[in-house]
Amino acid sequence: MVATAAASSVFLVTSSSSDIAGKPSKNGGNSVSLGGFKSKQTSNGINVKANASPSKTNGTVLAATTAAKVENDSPSQQYRQRTFINQLPDWSMLLAAVTTIFLAAEKQWTELDWKPRRPDMLADPFGIGQIVQDGLVFRQNFPIRSYEIGADKTASIETVMNHLQETALNHVKTIGLLGDGFGSTPEMCKKNLIWVVTRMQVVVDRYPMWGDVVQVDTWVSASGKNGMRRDWLVRDIKTGEIMTRATSVWVMMNKLTRKLSKIPEEAKEEIEPYFVNSVSVLNEDNRKLTKLDDTAEYIRTGLSPRWNDLDVNQHVNNVKYIGWILESAPQPILESHELHSVSLEYRKECGRNSVLESLTDVTDADIGNLADSGFVECKHLLRLEDGAEIVRARTEWRPKPVNNFDVLNQVPSPSQSI
């Protein structure tokens, strides 16, 4: 309706003689009566004359007489008489139509509800993930990129750990609890508190390859009185196969004093609504992680963090510790086996000026004959040069399905050389 009114006010409507009641003129034209106006059109369409007859209302004469005559003059005279101003439409109707359109659009815009009606509709504006399962689980997809794979053409354990850490932070961000700190809530930021991981256990059933897309689900639960447990499930997005399961325990630490802290009631009120009442995705490995000393079979010294190894809380990112632990792993194991599981116990943080040592012991395995050894277990310790423990760990290795390492590093015979 609005569009029709606007169009009719701008464009002149032309009607034929059959559409309007009228009678033929003597010259073959039509004489039409339009609301008191008489229009006469000659056969050549040149001479036009219109008159308005007066009318009476309550004894008062309201009359308007309009006369216009266009003689058979030259084209220049006709152009001067029929100006653009005389052909302008009724601008009040056009203005009313435009105003109506804008008011309707503004009403629809203001009535839009941008808040999601259900928790499973929550999604961050950058497409990094979404909340599912009644608002308690965060889900994010990751494509495996070429720079995330190693010599075996599969993603490294560091890549898997980075995906776990990324989803944990995006979970806090998406539910609106991310403050100025690294995963800290607004109330935690007010009290200079940050989260630190104390224990972590990861089991990898299959490593993704370049081009695969993995789907990571994560959620949080309570752990004791002053801890929080975070679990992860990593699936192949195409098949739904579970590829990785992981669980961890986190506590709060004062960013200024670097001492552990109880969870304040204000911070507990922020995070408790998002706790899931469920068991861990992994059975806890209760075996004690023993301490290694200088008698360890394999020792790597002189490890120190670079500037890029620090996170925003100014301590070494926990994923970096995994790489340092594997620095002392025997090369034959890395070539013939792949990491199946790792249990970590974080005991102390290290800063940018720390110098570390990585120690590894192999349990009941012949390094010189790993072909028929099956699963291999190793114990690890990451410590400072002064002996202070940073991380204790235990890893379990399984034989590789296909040993691609030898193929990639095969030296061609002289007959194959170009």
Protein backbone atom coordinates (compact mmCIF):
# COMPACT_ATOMS: atom_id res chain seq x y z
CA MET A 1 0.00 0.00 0.00
CA VAL A 2 2.76 2.44 0.93
CA ALA A 3 4.76 1.60 -2.17
CA THR A 4 1.69 2.05 -4.40
CA ALA A 5 0.90 5.44 -2.91
CA ALA A 6 4.46 6.58 -3.34
CA ALA A 7 4.59 5.39 -6.92
CA SER A 8 1.32 7.03 -7.84
CA SER A 9 2.50 10.35 -6.45
CA VAL A 10 5.60 10.33 -8.63
CA PHE A 11 4.43 8.84 -11.93
CA LEU A 12 1.50 10.21 -13.95
CA VAL A 13 -1.18 7.60 -14.69
CA THR A 14 -2.39 7.46 -18.29
CA SER A 15 -5.84 6.08 -19.09
CA SER A 16 -7.39 5.28 -22.45
CA SER A 17 -10.79 6.50 -23.64
CA SER A 18 -12.31 3.15 -22.83
CA ASP A 19 -11.27 3.43 -19.16
CA ILE A 20 -12.80 6.86 -18.49
CA ALA A 21 -16.40 7.78 -19.23
CA GLY A 22 -16.45 10.30 -22.02
CA LYS A 23 -17.80 11.01 -25.46
CA PRO A 24 -16.08 11.39 -28.77
CA SER A 25 -15.39 14.93 -29.94
CA LYS A 26 -16.24 16.25 -33.29
CA ASN A 27 -12.62 16.09 -34.34
CA GLY A 28 -12.29 12.45 -33.38
CA GLY A 29 -10.81 13.14 -29.91
CA ASN A 30 -12.40 12.50 -26.55
CA SER A 31 -14.04 14.96 -24.19
CA VAL A 32 -13.56 13.76 -20.60
CA SER A 33 -15.10 15.06 -17.38
CA LEU A 34 -12.70 14.83 -14.42
CA GLY A 35 -14.14 16.15 -11.16
CA GLY A 36 -15.65 19.28 -12.63
CA PHE A 37 -12.87 19.80 -15.17
CA LYS A 38 -13.53 19.41 -18.89
CA SER A 39 -10.64 18.49 -21.06
CA LYS A 40 -10.83 18.58 -24.81
CA GLN A 41 -8.22 17.00 -26.95
CA THR A 42 -8.14 17.64 -30.66
CA SER A 43 -7.19 15.11 -33.22
CA ASN A 44 -3.75 16.61 -33.62
CA GLY A 45 -3.21 16.89 -29.85
CA ILE A 46 -2.17 20.58 -30.04
CA ASN A 47 -4.98 22.78 -28.72
CA VAL A 48 -6.04 22.13 -25.08
CA LYS A 49 -8.51 24.17 -23.00
CA ALA A 50 -9.82 23.37 -19.52
CA ASN A 51 -12.36 25.30 -17.45
CA ALA A 52 -13.52 24.79 -13.87
CA SER A 53 -17.16 25.63 -13.16
CA PRO A 54 -18.04 27.33 -9.83
CA SER A 55 -19.95 25.48 -7.12
CA LYS A 56 -21.94 26.63 -4.09
CA THR A 57 -21.71 25.32 -0.54
CA ASN A 58 -24.07 26.76 2.14
CA GLY A 59 -24.59 29.84 0.08
CA THR A 60 -20.90 30.56 -0.24
CA VAL A 61 -19.35 30.43 -3.64
CA LEU A 62 -16.15 28.45 -3.70
CA ALA A 63 -14.99 28.75 -7.27
CA ALA A 64 -11.80 28.25 -9.07
CA THR A 65 -11.43 28.85 -12.75
CA THR A 66 -8.43 27.50 -14.44
CA ALA A 67 -7.73 28.11 -18.06
CA ALA A 68 -4.82 27.00 -20.10
CA LYS A 69 -4.35 27.26 -23.76
CA VAL A 70 -1.62 25.90 -25.84
CA GLU A 71 -1.65 27.23 -29.36
CA ASN A 72 -0.14 25.60 -32.38
CA ASP A 73 3.07 27.47 -31.91
CA SER A 74 6.65 26.55 -32.56
CA PRO A 75 8.31 23.77 -30.50
CA SER A 76 10.37 26.34 -28.63
CA GLN A 77 7.25 28.11 -27.37
CA GLN A 78 5.69 24.82 -26.26
CA TYR A 79 8.87 23.90 -24.31
CA ARG A 80 8.85 27.24 -22.49
CA GLN A 81 5.22 26.85 -21.43
CA ARG A 82 5.41 23.19 -20.23
CA THR A 83 8.13 23.55 -17.58
CA PHE A 84 9.46 20.92 -15.17
CA ILE A 85 7.95 22.74 -12.18
CA ASN A 86 4.45 22.41 -13.64
CA GLN A 87 4.89 18.62 -13.85
CA LEU A 88 6.16 18.02 -10.27
CA PRO A 89 4.09 15.53 -8.23
CA ASP A 90 2.46 16.17 -4.89
CA TRP A 91 5.58 16.11 -2.67
CA SER A 92 3.53 15.90 0.52
CA MET A 93 2.32 12.44 -0.46
CA LEU A 94 5.87 11.32 -1.29
CA LEU A 95 7.18 12.67 2.02
CA ALA A 96 4.41 10.92 3.91
CA ALA A 97 5.18 7.62 2.18
CA VAL A 98 8.92 7.84 2.91
CA THR A 99 8.25 8.79 6.54
CA THR A 100 5.90 5.82 6.94
CA ILE A 101 8.51 3.44 5.57
CA PHE A 102 11.24 4.73 7.91
CA LEU A 103 8.96 4.63 10.96
CA ALA A 104 7.99 1.02 10.20
CA ALA A 105 11.63 0.02 9.76
CA GLU A 106 12.63 1.76 12.99
CA LYS A 107 9.87 -0.02 14.91
CA GLN A 108 10.97 -3.42 13.64
CA TRP A 109 14.61 -2.65 14.45
CA THR A 110 13.90 -1.56 18.02
CA GLU A 111 11.69 -4.58 18.68
CA LEU A 112 14.41 -7.08 17.73
CA ASP A 113 15.59 -9.17 20.68
CA TRP A 114 19.32 -9.82 20.29
CA LYS A 115 19.54 -12.01 23.36
CA PRO A 116 19.25 -15.72 22.61
CA ARG A 117 16.13 -17.36 23.96
CA ARG A 118 17.83 -20.69 24.73
CA PRO A 119 21.32 -21.46 26.03
CA ASP A 120 22.01 -23.73 23.06
CA MET A 121 21.58 -20.70 20.80
CA LEU A 122 24.49 -18.91 22.42
CA ALA A 123 27.32 -18.34 19.98
CA ASP A 124 30.16 -15.87 19.98
CA PRO A 125 30.09 -13.27 17.16
CA PHE A 126 33.43 -14.42 15.73
CA GLY A 127 32.34 -17.99 15.07
CA ILE A 128 34.94 -19.55 17.37
CA GLY A 129 32.50 -21.92 19.02
CA GLN A 130 29.10 -22.32 20.60
CA ILE A 131 27.36 -23.36 23.78
CA VAL A 132 25.47 -26.68 23.58
CA GLN A 133 23.66 -29.11 25.89
CA ASP A 134 21.61 -26.73 28.03
CA GLY A 135 24.33 -24.11 28.13
CA LEU A 136 26.86 -26.22 30.02
CA VAL A 137 29.16 -27.53 27.28
CA PHE A 138 31.30 -25.48 24.92
CA ARG A 139 32.03 -26.87 21.45
CA GLN A 140 34.61 -25.72 18.93
CA ASN A 141 35.98 -27.14 15.68
CA PHE A 142 39.62 -27.08 14.59
CA PRO A 143 41.03 -27.88 11.14
CA ILE A 144 44.44 -29.53 11.31
CA ARG A 145 46.87 -27.30 9.45
CA SER A 146 50.11 -28.21 7.72
CA TYR A 147 52.30 -26.53 10.36
CA GLU A 148 50.65 -28.57 13.13
CA ILE A 149 51.79 -31.98 11.93
CA GLY A 150 55.13 -33.71 12.40
CA ALA A 151 57.28 -36.31 10.69
CA ASP A 152 54.56 -38.94 11.07
CA LYS A 153 52.09 -36.79 9.12
CA THR A 154 49.89 -36.51 12.19
CA ALA A 155 49.23 -33.70 14.65
CA SER A 156 51.68 -33.45 17.53
CA ILE A 157 50.75 -33.76 21.20
CA GLU A 158 51.45 -30.02 21.56
CA THR A 159 48.80 -29.32 18.90
CA VAL A 160 46.26 -31.42 20.79
CA MET A 161 47.10 -29.65 24.07
CA ASN A 162 46.80 -26.24 22.43
CA HIS A 163 43.30 -27.13 21.22
CA LEU A 164 42.34 -28.09 24.76
CA GLN A 165 43.64 -24.82 26.16
CA GLU A 166 42.00 -22.73 23.46
CA THR A 167 38.55 -24.21 24.04
CA ALA A 168 38.86 -23.68 27.79
CA LEU A 169 39.51 -19.96 27.34
CA ASN A 170 36.85 -19.54 24.66
CA HIS A 171 34.37 -21.28 26.92
CA VAL A 172 34.91 -18.66 29.63
CA LYS A 173 34.75 -15.90 27.04
CA THR A 174 31.54 -17.07 25.41
CA ILE A 175 29.57 -17.34 28.66
CA GLY A 176 30.65 -13.79 29.50
CA LEU A 177 32.98 -14.48 32.43
CA LEU A 178 36.28 -13.50 30.85
CA GLY A 179 37.88 -10.61 32.73
CA ASP A 180 41.23 -8.96 32.07
CA GLY A 181 43.23 -12.02 33.09
CA PHE A 182 44.05 -15.27 31.30
CA GLY A 183 40.76 -17.07 31.93
CA SER A 184 40.02 -15.08 35.08
CA THR A 185 36.46 -13.98 35.86
CA PRO A 186 35.66 -10.34 36.73
CA GLU A 187 35.60 -11.09 40.48
CA MET A 188 38.92 -12.91 40.20
CA CYS A 189 40.45 -9.89 38.48
CA LYS A 190 39.34 -7.64 41.34
CA LYS A 191 41.29 -9.84 43.77
CA ASN A 192 44.31 -10.44 41.48
CA LEU A 193 43.52 -14.15 41.19
CA ILE A 194 44.35 -16.43 38.26
CA TRP A 195 43.76 -20.09 37.42
CA VAL A 196 46.69 -22.53 37.47
CA VAL A 197 46.57 -26.20 36.55
CA THR A 198 47.83 -28.69 39.13
CA ARG A 199 47.11 -32.06 37.46
CA MET A 200 46.34 -33.14 33.94
CA GLN A 201 45.75 -36.47 32.26
CA VAL A 202 45.44 -36.94 28.47
CA VAL A 203 44.74 -40.13 26.51
CA VAL A 204 45.07 -40.02 22.71
CA ASP A 205 43.42 -42.94 20.90
CA ARG A 206 44.21 -41.56 17.45
CA TYR A 207 46.03 -38.47 16.22
CA PRO A 208 44.36 -36.41 13.48
CA MET A 209 46.10 -35.85 10.18
CA TRP A 210 46.54 -32.81 7.97
CA GLY A 211 43.16 -31.77 6.55
CA ASP A 212 41.12 -33.44 9.28
CA VAL A 213 38.68 -31.39 11.33
CA VAL A 214 38.30 -32.19 15.01
CA GLN A 215 35.43 -31.21 17.29
CA VAL A 216 36.36 -30.38 20.89
CA ASP A 217 33.79 -30.37 23.72
CA THR A 218 34.71 -29.03 27.16
CA TRP A 219 32.91 -28.43 30.46
CA VAL A 220 33.72 -27.74 34.11
CA SER A 221 32.85 -29.40 37.40
CA ALA A 222 33.66 -28.90 41.04
CA SER A 223 36.77 -30.57 42.44
CA GLY A 224 36.84 -30.59 46.22
CA LYS A 225 36.23 -27.38 48.12
CA ASN A 226 38.73 -25.13 46.35
CA GLY A 227 39.27 -26.67 42.96
CA MET A 228 37.69 -26.94 39.55
CA ARG A 229 37.84 -29.88 37.17
CA ARG A 230 37.75 -29.36 33.42
CA ASP A 231 37.16 -32.23 30.99
CA TRP A 232 37.51 -32.49 27.22
CA LEU A 233 36.36 -34.85 24.48
CA VAL A 234 37.89 -34.60 21.01
CA ARG A 235 36.07 -36.25 18.11
CA ASP A 236 36.54 -36.66 14.39
CA ILE A 237 33.85 -34.35 13.03
CA LYS A 238 33.15 -36.66 10.07
CA THR A 239 32.79 -39.97 11.86
CA GLY A 240 32.10 -38.94 15.46
CA GLU A 241 34.95 -41.19 16.61
CA ILE A 242 36.45 -40.16 19.97
CA MET A 243 40.10 -39.38 19.38
CA THR A 244 41.23 -37.78 22.66
CA ARG A 245 39.98 -37.68 26.25
CA ALA A 246 41.44 -35.33 28.83
CA THR A 247 40.79 -34.16 32.37
CA SER A 248 42.48 -31.57 34.59
CA VAL A 249 42.29 -29.94 38.01
CA TRP A 250 42.69 -26.17 38.48
CA VAL A 251 43.17 -23.98 41.55
CA MET A 252 43.45 -20.25 42.12
CA MET A 253 46.69 -18.40 42.70
CA ASN A 254 47.35 -14.79 43.66
CA LYS A 255 49.03 -13.11 40.72
CA LEU A 256 51.05 -10.77 42.96
CA THR A 257 52.16 -13.10 45.76
CA ARG A 258 52.29 -16.23 43.53
CA LYS A 259 50.66 -18.21 46.36
CA LEU A 260 47.64 -20.52 46.12
CA SER A 261 44.33 -19.07 47.28
CA LYS A 262 40.90 -20.30 48.28
CA ILE A 263 38.05 -19.57 45.89
CA PRO A 264 36.28 -16.41 47.13
CA GLU A 265 32.52 -16.62 47.53
CA GLU A 266 32.04 -13.89 44.89
CA ALA A 267 34.03 -15.87 42.32
CA LYS A 268 32.29 -19.10 43.32
CA GLU A 269 28.91 -17.52 42.62
CA GLU A 270 30.13 -16.63 39.13
CA ILE A 271 31.31 -20.08 38.10
CA GLU A 272 29.07 -22.51 40.02
CA PRO A 273 26.03 -22.03 37.70
CA TYR A 274 28.15 -23.53 34.91
CA PHE A 275 29.32 -26.61 36.82
CA VAL A 276 28.27 -29.97 35.40
CA ASN A 277 27.41 -32.73 37.84
CA SER A 278 29.20 -35.59 36.10
CA VAL A 279 32.08 -37.98 36.56
CA SER A 280 35.41 -37.45 34.83
CA VAL A 281 35.87 -38.69 31.27
CA LEU A 282 38.94 -40.61 32.50
CA ASN A 283 39.47 -42.85 35.47
CA GLU A 284 41.99 -41.07 37.65
CA ASP A 285 45.45 -42.59 37.55
CA ASN A 286 46.19 -42.84 41.26
CA ARG A 287 49.68 -44.21 40.80
CA LYS A 288 52.21 -41.98 42.47
CA LEU A 289 54.49 -40.02 40.19
CA THR A 290 57.97 -40.77 41.56
CA LYS A 291 60.80 -38.29 41.65
CA LEU A 292 63.82 -38.77 39.43
CA ASP A 293 67.34 -37.74 40.31
CA ASP A 294 70.76 -37.60 38.66
CA THR A 295 70.69 -41.37 38.14
CA ALA A 296 68.11 -40.96 35.37
CA GLU A 297 69.03 -42.69 32.11
CA TYR A 298 68.45 -39.67 29.87
CA ILE A 299 69.09 -36.04 30.85
CA ARG A 300 68.81 -32.93 28.74
CA THR A 301 70.18 -29.70 30.24
CA GLY A 302 70.26 -26.02 29.31
CA LEU A 303 66.57 -25.59 28.53
CA SER A 304 65.33 -22.03 28.94
CA PRO A 305 62.08 -20.30 27.95
CA ARG A 306 61.93 -17.75 25.20
CA TRP A 307 59.81 -14.63 25.39
CA ASN A 308 57.12 -16.26 23.24
CA ASP A 309 56.86 -19.16 25.71
CA LEU A 310 55.30 -16.85 28.33
CA ASP A 311 51.56 -16.29 28.61
CA VAL A 312 49.78 -13.10 29.66
CA ASN A 313 50.25 -14.04 33.33
CA GLN A 314 54.03 -13.88 32.81
CA HIS A 315 54.73 -17.55 33.42
CA VAL A 316 55.56 -20.36 31.02
CA ASN A 317 52.53 -21.81 29.28
CA ASN A 318 51.78 -25.34 30.52
CA VAL A 319 51.78 -26.72 26.95
CA LYS A 320 55.45 -25.73 26.67
CA TYR A 321 56.28 -28.10 29.52
CA ILE A 322 55.18 -31.05 27.36
CA GLY A 323 57.76 -30.18 24.74
CA TRP A 324 60.52 -29.86 27.34
CA ILE A 325 59.62 -33.21 28.91
CA LEU A 326 59.90 -34.95 25.54
CA GLU A 327 63.30 -33.34 24.92
CA SER A 328 64.89 -36.11 27.01
CA ALA A 329 62.80 -38.95 25.60
CA PRO A 330 64.97 -41.57 23.83
CA GLN A 331 65.09 -41.10 20.08
CA PRO A 332 64.37 -44.80 19.31
CA ILE A 333 61.06 -44.51 21.16
CA LEU A 334 60.12 -41.37 19.23
CA GLU A 335 60.87 -43.15 15.96
CA SER A 336 59.05 -46.43 16.60
CA HIS A 337 56.28 -45.43 19.03
CA GLU A 338 53.71 -42.68 19.47
CA LEU A 339 52.52 -41.09 22.69
CA HIS A 340 49.35 -42.77 23.91
CA SER A 341 48.83 -41.12 27.30
CA VAL A 342 50.47 -38.61 29.61
CA SER A 343 49.88 -37.79 33.28
CA LEU A 344 51.23 -34.48 34.54
CA GLU A 345 51.66 -33.06 38.02
CA TYR A 346 52.54 -29.36 38.03
CA ARG A 347 54.49 -28.46 41.15
CA LYS A 348 56.03 -25.06 40.49
CA GLU A 349 55.97 -22.40 37.81
CA CYS A 350 59.01 -21.06 36.05
CA GLY A 351 59.73 -17.62 34.64
CA ARG A 352 61.56 -16.15 31.69
CA ASN A 353 65.01 -16.36 33.32
CA SER A 354 64.73 -19.98 34.43
CA VAL A 355 67.15 -22.66 33.21
CA LEU A 356 65.75 -26.18 33.27
CA GLU A 357 66.77 -29.82 33.02
CA SER A 358 64.67 -32.64 31.54
CA LEU A 359 65.10 -36.17 32.95
CA THR A 360 63.63 -39.45 31.61
CA ASP A 361 63.71 -43.08 32.74
CA VAL A 362 62.37 -45.95 30.63
CA THR A 363 60.50 -48.64 32.56
CA ASP A 364 61.11 -52.33 31.69
CA ALA A 365 61.96 -51.88 28.04
CA ASP A 366 64.97 -52.66 25.89
CA ILE A 367 65.72 -49.51 23.91
CA GLY A 368 67.91 -51.48 21.54
CA ASN A 369 65.06 -53.85 20.63
CA LEU A 370 61.75 -52.02 20.54
CA ALA A 371 60.24 -53.89 17.60
CA ASP A 372 58.52 -56.46 19.82
CA SER A 373 58.31 -54.44 23.02
CA GLY A 374 54.67 -53.37 22.66
CA PHE A 375 53.70 -50.54 25.01
CA VAL A 376 56.54 -48.63 26.66
CA GLU A 377 56.26 -46.53 29.83
CA CYS A 378 58.52 -43.66 30.82
CA LYS A 379 58.91 -41.49 33.91
CA HIS A 380 59.86 -37.82 33.56
CA LEU A 381 60.95 -34.87 35.65
CA LEU A 382 61.37 -31.24 34.67
CA ARG A 383 63.37 -29.27 37.20
CA LEU A 384 65.36 -26.09 37.63
CA GLU A 385 69.16 -26.21 37.77
CA ASP A 386 69.01 -25.78 41.54
CA GLY A 387 66.88 -28.95 41.82
CA ALA A 388 63.45 -27.33 42.34
CA GLU A 389 60.77 -29.50 40.69
CA ILE A 390 58.60 -27.99 37.99
CA VAL A 391 56.65 -30.96 36.60
CA ARG A 392 56.51 -34.69 37.25
CA ALA A 393 55.10 -36.84 34.48
CA ARG A 394 54.47 -40.36 33.28
CA THR A 395 54.02 -41.24 29.60
CA GLU A 396 52.84 -44.40 27.87
CA TRP A 397 53.83 -45.15 24.28
CA ARG A 398 52.29 -47.55 21.75
CA PRO A 399 53.84 -48.89 18.55
CA LYS A 400 53.09 -46.79 15.50
CA PRO A 401 50.58 -48.36 13.08
CA VAL A 402 52.85 -47.50 10.16
CA ASN A 403 56.43 -46.49 10.64
CA ASN A 404 56.62 -43.46 8.37
CA PHE A 405 59.77 -42.12 9.95
CA ASP A 406 62.12 -44.47 8.08
CA VAL A 407 60.35 -43.75 4.80
CA LEU A 408 60.71 -40.01 5.23
CA ASN A 409 64.38 -40.27 6.14
CA GLN A 410 65.39 -43.02 3.76
CA VAL A 411 68.64 -42.26 1.97
CA PRO A 412 68.53 -43.26 -1.74
CA SER A 413 71.14 -45.71 -3.03
CA PRO A 414 73.77 -44.48 -5.52
CA SER A 415 71.84 -46.12 -8.37
CA GLN A 416 68.78 -44.02 -7.45
CA SER A 417 70.70 -40.75 -7.36
CA ILE A 418 70.14 -38.25 -10.13
